[in-house]
């Protein structure tokens, strides 16, 4: 190899390194650092989104949640994952079960992304919500058909207050005997930082939800 060829090879290596540095630097500069920037990025990426963006994006980080064992569940202590939340009453039937089935199929179909994703069922309660229990038949149904679904208890008025100012309000479970509540049955998509970003109804197909979630995960950190 001549000296000229060796020099050319070194320049090519340095050029590749420089290009890599530029790409990484650009990615750092473009990564959203505020909620407003995140919303703008999601809007630009989601020109073909099928779910409904929750406007404004609100946080569930400070929501008081209790596990099925009666222990506090705090978002800050959890691994960073995307989460899908379905809210319901102690007896989950009809539309509630349809939503559980739909979201289970979505979770299964996420493939390589499934490890970064979780599903939750928020059991609505009142002032003594921590003592709230699923109906026996519903508890058995979830155990048999949705073993990877996490059930958390929440005060209905607190969760409703979080969603009150958005375009995706919580269905009212306290004044109705139906498991899907008085309103639209929704599944809420939560990002890794606890922001409620999108909502889905039973009008959405599983394939549509999968496309949205994979799209968002692709552009979010691991």
Protein backbone atom coordinates (compact mmCIF):
# COMPACT_ATOMS: atom_id res chain seq x y z
CA UNK A 1 0.00 0.00 0.00
CA UNK A 2 1.41 3.38 -0.99
CA UNK A 3 1.60 6.30 1.44
CA UNK A 4 -1.00 8.15 -0.63
CA UNK A 5 -3.44 5.24 -0.36
CA UNK A 6 -2.79 4.98 3.38
CA UNK A 7 -3.51 8.68 3.83
CA UNK A 8 -6.72 8.34 1.83
CA UNK A 9 -7.81 5.46 4.04
CA UNK A 10 -7.16 7.47 7.22
CA UNK A 11 -9.15 10.41 5.86
CA UNK A 12 -12.06 8.11 5.10
CA UNK A 13 -12.02 6.77 8.67
CA UNK A 14 -11.93 10.28 10.14
CA UNK A 15 -14.75 11.34 7.82
CA UNK A 16 -16.93 8.46 9.02
CA UNK A 17 -16.20 9.35 12.66
CA UNK A 18 -17.07 13.00 12.01
CA UNK A 19 -20.35 12.04 10.35
CA UNK A 20 -21.23 9.81 13.31
CA UNK A 21 -20.51 12.63 15.78
CA UNK A 22 -22.71 15.01 13.78
CA UNK A 23 -25.59 12.52 13.70
CA UNK A 24 -25.38 11.86 17.46
CA UNK A 25 -25.10 15.58 18.20
CA UNK A 26 -28.09 16.37 16.01
CA UNK A 27 -30.12 13.66 17.74
CA UNK A 28 -29.26 15.16 21.13
CA UNK A 29 -30.23 18.65 20.04
CA UNK A 30 -33.49 17.50 18.47
CA UNK A 31 -34.59 15.27 21.36
CA UNK A 32 -37.48 17.02 23.17
CA UNK A 33 -36.49 18.55 26.52
CA UNK A 34 -39.86 20.04 27.50
CA UNK A 35 -43.45 18.82 27.38
CA UNK A 36 -44.24 21.36 24.65
CA UNK A 37 -41.36 20.07 22.51
CA UNK A 38 -42.46 16.48 23.15
CA UNK A 39 -46.00 17.25 22.04
CA UNK A 40 -44.74 18.96 18.89
CA UNK A 41 -42.52 15.97 18.10
CA UNK A 42 -45.39 13.52 18.62
CA UNK A 43 -47.65 15.63 16.45
CA UNK A 44 -45.11 15.74 13.64
CA UNK A 45 -44.38 12.01 13.89
CA UNK A 46 -48.01 11.06 14.33
CA UNK A 47 -49.48 12.43 11.14
CA UNK A 48 -51.02 9.00 10.58
CA UNK A 49 -51.88 8.24 14.20
CA UNK A 50 -55.09 6.32 14.82
CA UNK A 51 -55.65 7.12 18.50
CA UNK A 52 -56.57 10.52 19.85
CA UNK A 53 -53.85 12.72 21.32
CA UNK A 54 -54.80 13.72 24.87
CA UNK A 55 -54.74 17.51 24.90
CA UNK A 56 -53.19 18.79 27.00
CA UNK A 57 -50.94 15.87 27.93
CA UNK A 58 -51.37 15.39 31.69
CA UNK A 59 -49.31 13.49 34.25
CA UNK A 60 -50.42 10.59 36.42
CA UNK A 61 -47.17 10.59 38.43
CA UNK A 62 -48.78 12.10 41.55
CA UNK A 63 -51.89 9.94 41.39
CA UNK A 64 -52.38 7.91 44.58
CA UNK A 65 -52.45 4.26 43.58
CA UNK A 66 -52.66 1.07 45.64
CA UNK A 67 -51.75 -2.44 44.51
CA UNK A 68 -53.94 -5.49 44.92
CA UNK A 69 -51.92 -6.32 48.04
CA UNK A 70 -52.85 -2.98 49.59
CA UNK A 71 -49.38 -1.48 49.13
CA UNK A 72 -48.71 1.97 47.63
CA UNK A 73 -47.76 1.89 43.94
CA UNK A 74 -45.55 4.84 43.03
CA UNK A 75 -44.64 5.67 39.47
CA UNK A 76 -41.16 6.92 40.42
CA UNK A 77 -40.25 3.46 41.73
CA UNK A 78 -41.17 1.63 38.51
CA UNK A 79 -39.09 0.77 35.47
CA UNK A 80 -39.53 3.21 32.57
CA UNK A 81 -42.11 1.60 30.30
CA UNK A 82 -45.02 2.54 28.09
CA UNK A 83 -48.30 1.64 29.77
CA UNK A 84 -51.90 1.20 28.71
CA UNK A 85 -54.51 1.93 31.38
CA UNK A 86 -58.11 0.69 31.32
CA UNK A 87 -60.38 2.07 34.05
CA UNK A 88 -63.34 0.07 35.30
CA UNK A 89 -65.67 -0.91 38.11
CA UNK A 90 -65.46 -3.98 40.38
CA UNK A 91 -67.53 -6.00 37.89
CA UNK A 92 -65.81 -5.93 34.50
CA UNK A 93 -68.22 -7.17 31.83
CA UNK A 94 -69.42 -6.25 28.34
CA UNK A 95 -67.40 -3.30 26.94
CA UNK A 96 -64.90 -3.55 29.78
CA UNK A 97 -64.01 -7.12 28.80
CA UNK A 98 -63.94 -6.18 25.14
CA UNK A 99 -61.32 -3.54 25.94
CA UNK A 100 -59.29 -5.97 28.04
CA UNK A 101 -59.32 -8.49 25.20
CA UNK A 102 -58.40 -5.88 22.59
CA UNK A 103 -55.48 -4.52 24.59
CA UNK A 104 -54.24 -8.02 25.45
CA UNK A 105 -54.03 -8.87 21.75
CA UNK A 106 -52.18 -5.60 21.18
CA UNK A 107 -49.66 -6.45 23.90
CA UNK A 108 -49.07 -9.93 22.50
CA UNK A 109 -48.61 -8.56 18.98
CA UNK A 110 -45.97 -5.98 19.94
CA UNK A 111 -43.26 -8.61 19.63
CA UNK A 112 -39.82 -7.15 20.43
CA UNK A 113 -41.48 -4.08 21.95
CA UNK A 114 -43.59 -6.08 24.44
CA UNK A 115 -40.91 -5.98 27.15
CA UNK A 116 -41.18 -2.18 27.19
CA UNK A 117 -44.95 -2.26 27.60
CA UNK A 118 -47.42 -2.98 30.43
CA UNK A 119 -51.20 -3.06 30.84
CA UNK A 120 -53.07 -1.83 33.89
CA UNK A 121 -56.63 -2.07 35.10
CA UNK A 122 -57.54 0.86 37.35
CA UNK A 123 -60.24 -0.24 39.79
CA UNK A 124 -62.35 2.83 40.57
CA UNK A 125 -63.26 3.52 44.19
CA UNK A 126 -64.41 6.27 46.53
CA UNK A 127 -62.88 7.60 49.76
CA UNK A 128 -62.00 4.09 51.00
CA UNK A 129 -60.77 3.01 47.56
CA UNK A 130 -57.83 1.09 49.05
CA UNK A 131 -60.32 -1.43 50.44
CA UNK A 132 -62.08 -1.85 47.13
CA UNK A 133 -62.06 -5.37 45.69
CA UNK A 134 -62.89 -6.83 42.31
CA UNK A 135 -66.08 -8.85 42.09
CA UNK A 136 -65.26 -12.53 42.58
CA UNK A 137 -66.25 -13.50 39.04
CA UNK A 138 -64.21 -10.62 37.57
CA UNK A 139 -61.16 -11.47 39.68
CA UNK A 140 -61.31 -15.08 38.45
CA UNK A 141 -61.81 -13.94 34.86
CA UNK A 142 -58.74 -11.66 34.98
CA UNK A 143 -56.60 -14.31 36.67
CA UNK A 144 -57.49 -16.87 34.00
CA UNK A 145 -57.50 -14.69 30.88
CA UNK A 146 -55.21 -11.77 31.71
CA UNK A 147 -52.43 -13.07 33.99
CA UNK A 148 -50.07 -10.22 33.02
CA UNK A 149 -52.60 -7.46 33.68
CA UNK A 150 -51.73 -5.39 36.76
CA UNK A 151 -54.71 -4.28 38.86
CA UNK A 152 -54.32 -1.01 40.77
CA UNK A 153 -56.87 0.75 42.95
CA UNK A 154 -57.48 4.48 42.54
CA UNK A 155 -59.87 7.10 43.86
CA UNK A 156 -62.20 7.81 40.96
CA UNK A 157 -62.53 11.54 41.60
CA UNK A 158 -58.73 11.95 41.63
CA UNK A 159 -58.27 10.22 38.28
CA UNK A 160 -61.26 12.11 36.86
CA UNK A 161 -59.73 15.39 38.02
CA UNK A 162 -56.49 14.64 36.18
CA UNK A 163 -58.41 14.05 32.94
CA UNK A 164 -61.04 16.73 33.52
CA UNK A 165 -59.40 19.44 31.43
CA UNK A 166 -58.51 17.15 28.53
CA UNK A 167 -60.38 16.03 25.44
CA UNK A 168 -60.52 12.46 26.84
CA UNK A 169 -62.44 12.64 30.15
CA UNK A 170 -62.90 9.63 32.36
CA UNK A 171 -66.21 7.78 32.18
CA UNK A 172 -68.29 8.16 35.36
CA UNK A 173 -68.33 4.89 37.32
CA UNK A 174 -69.77 6.13 40.62
CA UNK A 175 -73.25 7.01 39.30
CA UNK A 176 -73.86 3.98 37.10
CA UNK A 177 -74.07 0.23 37.50
CA UNK A 178 -72.44 -0.49 34.15
CA UNK A 179 -68.86 -1.76 34.13
CA UNK A 180 -67.85 0.66 31.37
CA UNK A 181 -69.17 3.69 33.23
CA UNK A 182 -71.37 6.51 32.03
CA UNK A 183 -69.42 7.77 29.04
CA UNK A 184 -66.90 6.50 26.51
CA UNK A 185 -64.89 3.40 27.44
CA UNK A 186 -61.25 4.34 26.88
CA UNK A 187 -57.76 2.93 27.15
CA UNK A 188 -55.13 5.55 27.96
CA UNK A 189 -51.56 5.32 26.68
CA UNK A 190 -48.99 6.52 29.23
CA UNK A 191 -45.42 7.35 28.26
CA UNK A 192 -42.28 6.43 30.20
CA UNK A 193 -42.43 9.60 32.28
CA UNK A 194 -46.04 9.16 33.31
CA UNK A 195 -47.69 11.49 30.81
CA UNK A 196 -51.11 10.43 29.53
CA UNK A 197 -50.46 10.88 25.83
CA UNK A 198 -53.21 9.17 23.83
CA UNK A 199 -56.59 7.52 24.24
CA UNK A 200 -58.32 4.71 22.38
CA UNK A 201 -61.91 3.50 22.28
CA UNK A 202 -63.48 0.28 21.05
CA UNK A 203 -63.86 1.94 17.66
CA UNK A 204 -60.10 1.52 17.25
CA UNK A 205 -58.77 -1.71 15.77
CA UNK A 206 -55.95 -3.61 17.40
CA UNK A 207 -53.78 -3.12 14.31
CA UNK A 208 -54.23 0.64 14.62
CA UNK A 209 -53.15 0.66 18.24
CA UNK A 210 -50.13 -1.51 17.45
CA UNK A 211 -49.05 0.83 14.67
CA UNK A 212 -49.27 3.87 16.95
CA UNK A 213 -47.48 2.25 19.89
CA UNK A 214 -44.66 0.82 17.79
CA UNK A 215 -44.25 4.20 16.11
CA UNK A 216 -43.92 5.98 19.45
CA UNK A 217 -41.59 3.36 20.92
CA UNK A 218 -39.34 3.60 17.88
CA UNK A 219 -38.68 7.26 18.59
CA UNK A 220 -38.47 7.02 22.38
CA UNK A 221 -35.40 6.07 24.47
CA UNK A 222 -35.05 2.48 25.65
